[in-house]
Protein backbone atom coordinates (compact mmCIF):
# COMPACT_ATOMS: atom_id res chain seq x y z
CA UNK A 1 -40.71 16.52 -26.60
CA UNK A 2 -43.91 17.38 -24.79
CA UNK A 3 -44.89 20.93 -23.88
CA UNK A 4 -43.79 22.43 -20.58
CA UNK A 5 -47.42 22.36 -19.46
CA UNK A 6 -47.02 18.61 -19.06
CA UNK A 7 -44.38 19.16 -16.38
CA UNK A 8 -46.48 21.69 -14.49
CA UNK A 9 -49.50 19.38 -14.65
CA UNK A 10 -47.37 16.69 -13.00
CA UNK A 11 -46.43 19.00 -10.14
CA UNK A 12 -42.96 20.00 -11.38
CA UNK A 13 -42.07 23.54 -10.25
CA UNK A 14 -40.61 24.70 -13.54
CA UNK A 15 -40.91 28.36 -12.57
CA UNK A 16 -38.44 28.04 -9.68
CA UNK A 17 -36.10 25.97 -11.88
CA UNK A 18 -35.91 28.75 -14.45
CA UNK A 19 -34.53 31.05 -11.75
CA UNK A 20 -31.48 28.78 -11.88
CA UNK A 21 -31.34 27.81 -15.55
CA UNK A 22 -32.47 31.14 -16.97
CA UNK A 23 -34.59 29.82 -19.84
CA UNK A 24 -36.50 26.72 -20.84
CA UNK A 25 -34.00 25.76 -23.55
CA UNK A 26 -31.19 25.45 -21.00
CA UNK A 27 -33.52 23.52 -18.70
CA UNK A 28 -34.39 21.14 -21.53
CA UNK A 29 -30.75 20.68 -22.52
CA UNK A 30 -29.81 19.82 -18.93
CA UNK A 31 -32.76 17.67 -17.85
CA UNK A 32 -31.23 14.59 -19.47
CA UNK A 33 -28.27 14.94 -17.12
CA UNK A 34 -30.68 14.76 -14.19
CA UNK A 35 -32.11 11.51 -15.56
CA UNK A 36 -28.64 9.97 -15.90
CA UNK A 37 -27.46 11.28 -12.53
CA UNK A 38 -30.57 10.30 -10.56
CA UNK A 39 -30.54 6.80 -12.03
CA UNK A 40 -26.93 6.34 -10.92
CA UNK A 41 -27.57 7.82 -7.48
CA UNK A 42 -30.55 5.54 -6.86
CA UNK A 43 -28.40 2.47 -7.53
CA UNK A 44 -25.66 3.77 -5.24
CA UNK A 45 -28.14 4.62 -2.49
CA UNK A 46 -29.59 1.12 -2.55
CA UNK A 47 -26.09 -0.37 -2.30
CA UNK A 48 -25.13 1.92 0.60
CA UNK A 49 -28.42 1.19 2.34
CA UNK A 50 -27.87 -2.55 2.01
CA UNK A 51 -24.31 -2.31 3.34
CA UNK A 52 -25.40 0.12 6.08
CA UNK A 53 -22.81 2.66 4.84
CA UNK A 54 -24.78 5.59 6.21
CA UNK A 55 -22.01 8.15 5.70
CA UNK A 56 -21.97 7.70 1.92
CA UNK A 57 -25.75 7.20 1.85
CA UNK A 58 -26.14 10.64 3.43
CA UNK A 59 -23.76 12.27 0.94
CA UNK A 60 -25.53 10.82 -2.09
CA UNK A 61 -29.05 11.50 -0.84
CA UNK A 62 -27.97 15.09 -0.15
CA UNK A 63 -26.86 15.36 -3.78
CA UNK A 64 -30.13 13.79 -4.97
CA UNK A 65 -32.02 16.35 -2.89
CA UNK A 66 -30.17 19.26 -4.48
CA UNK A 67 -30.51 17.96 -8.04
CA UNK A 68 -34.23 17.29 -7.58
CA UNK A 69 -34.86 20.80 -6.33
CA UNK A 70 -32.84 22.33 -9.19
CA UNK A 71 -35.22 20.74 -11.69
CA UNK A 72 -38.43 21.47 -9.78
CA UNK A 73 -39.10 17.97 -8.44
CA UNK A 74 -39.94 19.47 -5.07
CA UNK A 75 -41.66 16.51 -3.44
CA UNK A 76 -38.72 14.24 -4.27
CA UNK A 77 -36.34 16.88 -2.95
CA UNK A 78 -38.26 17.10 0.31
CA UNK A 79 -38.28 13.33 0.73
CA UNK A 80 -34.55 13.12 0.00
CA UNK A 81 -33.98 15.88 2.57
CA UNK A 82 -35.79 13.79 5.19
CA UNK A 83 -33.51 10.85 4.39
CA UNK A 84 -30.49 13.15 4.58
CA UNK A 85 -31.47 14.33 8.05
CA UNK A 86 -32.09 10.77 9.22
CA UNK A 87 -28.73 9.75 7.78
CA UNK A 88 -26.96 12.52 9.66
CA UNK A 89 -28.70 11.32 12.82
CA UNK A 90 -27.57 7.74 12.15
CA UNK A 91 -31.16 6.49 11.98
CA UNK A 92 -30.51 3.29 10.01
CA UNK A 93 -33.94 1.86 10.87
CA UNK A 94 -35.77 4.80 9.29
CA UNK A 95 -33.70 4.52 6.13
CA UNK A 96 -34.27 0.77 5.89
CA UNK A 97 -38.01 1.06 6.47
CA UNK A 98 -38.60 4.05 4.17
CA UNK A 99 -36.20 3.43 1.30
CA UNK A 100 -38.95 1.96 -0.85
CA UNK A 101 -40.85 5.25 -0.70
CA UNK A 102 -37.76 7.17 -1.82
CA UNK A 103 -37.10 4.64 -4.55
CA UNK A 104 -40.65 5.00 -5.90
CA UNK A 105 -40.39 8.80 -5.82
CA UNK A 106 -37.16 8.73 -7.84
CA UNK A 107 -38.67 6.36 -10.40
CA UNK A 108 -41.74 8.60 -10.69
CA UNK A 109 -39.57 11.67 -11.30
CA UNK A 110 -37.55 9.80 -13.91
CA UNK A 111 -40.74 8.66 -15.66
CA UNK A 112 -42.01 12.24 -15.79
CA UNK A 113 -38.69 13.56 -17.11
CA UNK A 114 -38.42 10.85 -19.75
CA UNK A 115 -42.02 11.34 -20.87
CA UNK A 116 -41.40 15.07 -21.21
CA UNK A 117 -38.16 14.59 -23.15
CA UNK A 118 -39.32 11.75 -25.38
CA UNK A 119 -43.04 12.26 -25.85
CA UNK A 120 -45.81 9.70 -25.53
CA UNK A 121 -45.55 7.77 -28.79
CA UNK A 122 -44.57 4.54 -27.04
CA UNK A 123 -40.92 4.72 -28.03
CA UNK A 124 -38.40 3.62 -25.42
CA UNK A 125 -37.33 6.47 -23.17
CA UNK A 126 -33.86 7.74 -23.96
CA UNK A 127 -32.21 10.13 -21.58
CA UNK A 128 -30.12 12.85 -23.12
CA UNK A 129 -26.44 12.17 -22.71
CA UNK A 130 -24.66 14.31 -20.15
CA UNK A 131 -22.33 17.01 -21.34
CA UNK A 132 -18.79 15.83 -21.82
CA UNK A 133 -16.76 16.59 -18.74
CA UNK A 134 -13.25 17.93 -18.79
CA UNK A 135 -10.66 15.36 -17.78
CA UNK A 136 -9.54 16.25 -14.28
CA UNK A 137 -6.77 13.81 -13.34
CA UNK A 138 -3.88 16.16 -12.71
CA UNK A 139 -4.69 18.31 -15.74
CA UNK A 140 -2.16 21.10 -16.32
CA UNK A 141 -3.88 24.26 -17.49
CA UNK A 142 -2.33 26.29 -20.29
CA UNK A 143 -4.73 29.23 -20.00
CA UNK A 144 -6.48 31.11 -17.19
CA UNK A 145 -9.01 28.77 -15.59
CA UNK A 146 -11.72 28.47 -13.00
CA UNK A 147 -11.84 25.16 -11.16
CA UNK A 148 -15.30 23.90 -10.17
CA UNK A 149 -15.30 21.08 -7.64
CA UNK A 150 -18.65 19.37 -7.13
CA UNK A 151 -19.85 15.77 -7.21
CA UNK A 152 -22.90 16.86 -9.22
CA UNK A 153 -22.29 16.89 -12.98
CA UNK A 154 -25.33 19.14 -13.21
CA UNK A 155 -23.63 21.87 -11.19
CA UNK A 156 -20.30 21.46 -12.96
CA UNK A 157 -21.89 21.73 -16.39
CA UNK A 158 -24.16 24.57 -15.26
CA UNK A 159 -21.13 26.64 -14.24
CA UNK A 160 -19.40 25.77 -17.50
CA UNK A 161 -22.35 27.06 -19.49
CA UNK A 162 -22.22 30.36 -17.63
CA UNK A 163 -18.50 31.03 -18.04
CA UNK A 164 -17.25 29.03 -21.02
CA UNK A 165 -17.25 32.09 -23.27
CA UNK A 166 -14.97 33.98 -20.87
CA UNK A 167 -12.85 31.41 -19.00
CA UNK A 168 -11.59 27.91 -19.36
CA UNK A 169 -13.63 25.98 -16.80
CA UNK A 170 -11.93 22.90 -15.35
CA UNK A 171 -13.80 20.54 -13.11
CA UNK A 172 -13.35 17.87 -10.48
CA UNK A 173 -16.01 15.55 -9.10
CA UNK A 174 -14.36 14.99 -5.72
CA UNK A 175 -11.71 16.38 -3.43
CA UNK A 176 -8.94 14.07 -4.60
CA UNK A 177 -9.34 15.12 -8.23
CA UNK A 178 -9.25 18.75 -7.10
CA UNK A 179 -6.06 18.22 -5.11
CA UNK A 180 -4.47 16.49 -8.11
CA UNK A 181 -5.29 19.46 -10.34
CA UNK A 182 -4.10 22.02 -7.80
CA UNK A 183 -0.83 20.12 -7.37
CA UNK A 184 -0.34 19.79 -11.14
CA UNK A 185 -0.66 23.58 -11.50
CA UNK A 186 1.47 24.50 -8.49
CA UNK A 187 4.21 25.99 -10.69
CA UNK A 188 1.94 28.18 -12.79
CA UNK A 189 -0.63 30.88 -12.10
CA UNK A 190 -3.44 29.57 -14.26
CA UNK A 191 -6.07 28.70 -11.62
CA UNK A 192 -7.67 32.06 -10.96
CA UNK A 193 -10.41 30.88 -8.59
CA UNK A 194 -11.97 27.74 -7.16
CA UNK A 195 -15.67 27.15 -6.52
CA UNK A 196 -15.73 24.28 -4.05
CA UNK A 197 -18.49 22.00 -2.77
CA UNK A 198 -18.01 20.56 0.72
CA UNK A 199 -20.10 17.39 0.80
CA UNK A 200 -18.62 14.91 -1.66
CA UNK A 201 -18.04 11.15 -1.51
CA UNK A 202 -14.58 9.99 -0.49
CA UNK A 203 -12.32 13.02 -0.20
CA UNK A 204 -14.54 15.99 0.66
CA UNK A 205 -14.15 19.73 0.28
CA UNK A 206 -12.69 20.21 3.74
CA UNK A 207 -9.76 18.00 2.74
CA UNK A 208 -9.13 20.37 -0.18
CA UNK A 209 -9.21 23.37 2.17
CA UNK A 210 -6.79 21.61 4.51
CA UNK A 211 -4.43 20.81 1.63
CA UNK A 212 -4.46 24.42 0.49
CA UNK A 213 -3.81 25.71 3.97
CA UNK A 214 -0.88 23.36 4.57
CA UNK A 215 0.63 24.40 1.25
CA UNK A 216 0.00 28.15 1.74
CA UNK A 217 -2.12 28.41 -1.41
CA UNK A 218 -5.01 30.64 -0.38
CA UNK A 219 -3.21 33.87 -1.32
CA UNK A 220 -2.39 32.41 -4.72
CA UNK A 221 -5.76 30.75 -5.42
CA UNK A 222 -8.88 32.32 -3.86
CA UNK A 223 -11.64 29.89 -2.93
CA UNK A 224 -15.37 30.31 -2.43
CA UNK A 225 -17.72 27.59 -1.22
CA UNK A 226 -20.86 26.44 -3.07
CA UNK A 227 -22.70 24.04 -0.82
CA UNK A 228 -26.14 22.79 0.09
CA UNK A 229 -25.08 22.39 3.71
CA UNK A 230 -25.90 25.65 5.44
CA UNK A 231 -25.79 24.45 9.03
CA UNK A 232 -24.03 26.74 11.50
CA UNK A 233 -21.49 24.04 12.24
CA UNK A 234 -20.52 23.71 8.57
CA UNK A 235 -20.41 27.47 7.99
CA UNK A 236 -18.27 28.06 11.06
CA UNK A 237 -15.93 25.24 10.09
CA UNK A 238 -15.57 26.57 6.52
CA UNK A 239 -14.75 30.08 7.70
CA UNK A 240 -11.95 28.72 9.85
CA UNK A 241 -10.12 28.75 6.52
CA UNK A 242 -9.45 32.02 4.63
CA UNK A 243 -12.17 31.46 2.03
CA UNK A 244 -13.65 34.44 0.23
CA UNK A 245 -17.36 33.68 0.61
CA UNK A 246 -19.95 30.93 0.80
CA UNK A 247 -22.98 30.44 -1.47
CA UNK A 248 -25.80 28.10 -0.52
CA UNK A 249 -27.63 25.85 -2.95
CA UNK A 250 -29.86 26.14 -4.81
CA UNK A 251 -28.58 29.27 -6.48
CA UNK A 252 -29.25 31.30 -9.60
CA UNK A 253 -26.95 32.22 -12.48
CA UNK A 254 -26.74 35.73 -11.06
CA UNK A 255 -25.63 34.34 -7.68
CA UNK A 256 -22.84 32.31 -9.28
CA UNK A 257 -21.62 35.24 -11.38
CA UNK A 258 -21.61 37.47 -8.30
CA UNK A 259 -19.62 35.10 -6.10
CA UNK A 260 -17.10 34.40 -8.86
CA UNK A 261 -16.58 38.13 -9.45
CA UNK A 262 -16.02 38.58 -5.73
CA UNK A 263 -13.59 35.65 -5.63
CA UNK A 264 -11.57 36.92 -8.59
CA UNK A 265 -11.49 40.43 -7.15
CA UNK A 266 -10.11 39.09 -3.86
CA UNK A 267 -6.88 38.08 -5.57
CA UNK A 268 -6.52 41.45 -7.29
CA UNK A 269 -6.93 43.28 -3.97
CA UNK A 270 -4.51 41.11 -1.98
């Protein structure tokens, strides 16, 4: 592994990343997940661009934006944000004409990350394997648990690292997996809180909120939102449901601990 000075010399904002990850060891342990995730997202984005599926393109480029900013790849994050805004506006022409630039920026970030992780001895770059995720298909919990619902494995594993010594942390990568887990635990009281993303492919976070409202679950399971979408429309729509609070991305470890404490306390006070 190369020294962290290599990253800073390549324009990576490591300092802001450490506000999220806490220390360089955690950053190093997690950077391989970014390599795996960004590689997968780039392939999906190209497929959605080619099929003109702008809705899913926008969701995945939003996730790429967030992940890039978490790890200090600011220029890539800014470029992905531009594509996200154009996707929301339905500007297919912009996406088609400028995808190559985004593609090159992703490949450049991946090259920097791999060089940092693997050194410069000419060996093939090997991304660190992502942390093993908890199986989420209707899992029945047998101990008090927090459920983290986010399409980003980076966020799910980040939350696990924070709370694994205190809680069992279950996870779901989309709204349907979350609904399956909530339904599987309907007859117990093991899910103590849910941290829920809103923008996810397929079944999104709003579908989870709607499911919980129809089944009168908010008093039993308090929910807080963790989302990179901080538009007034999204915030207003989220607070139409009895959620506890909403935390915007990117966030720090202290932010996550604070919102979880608040979410857990809500149940004790109601």
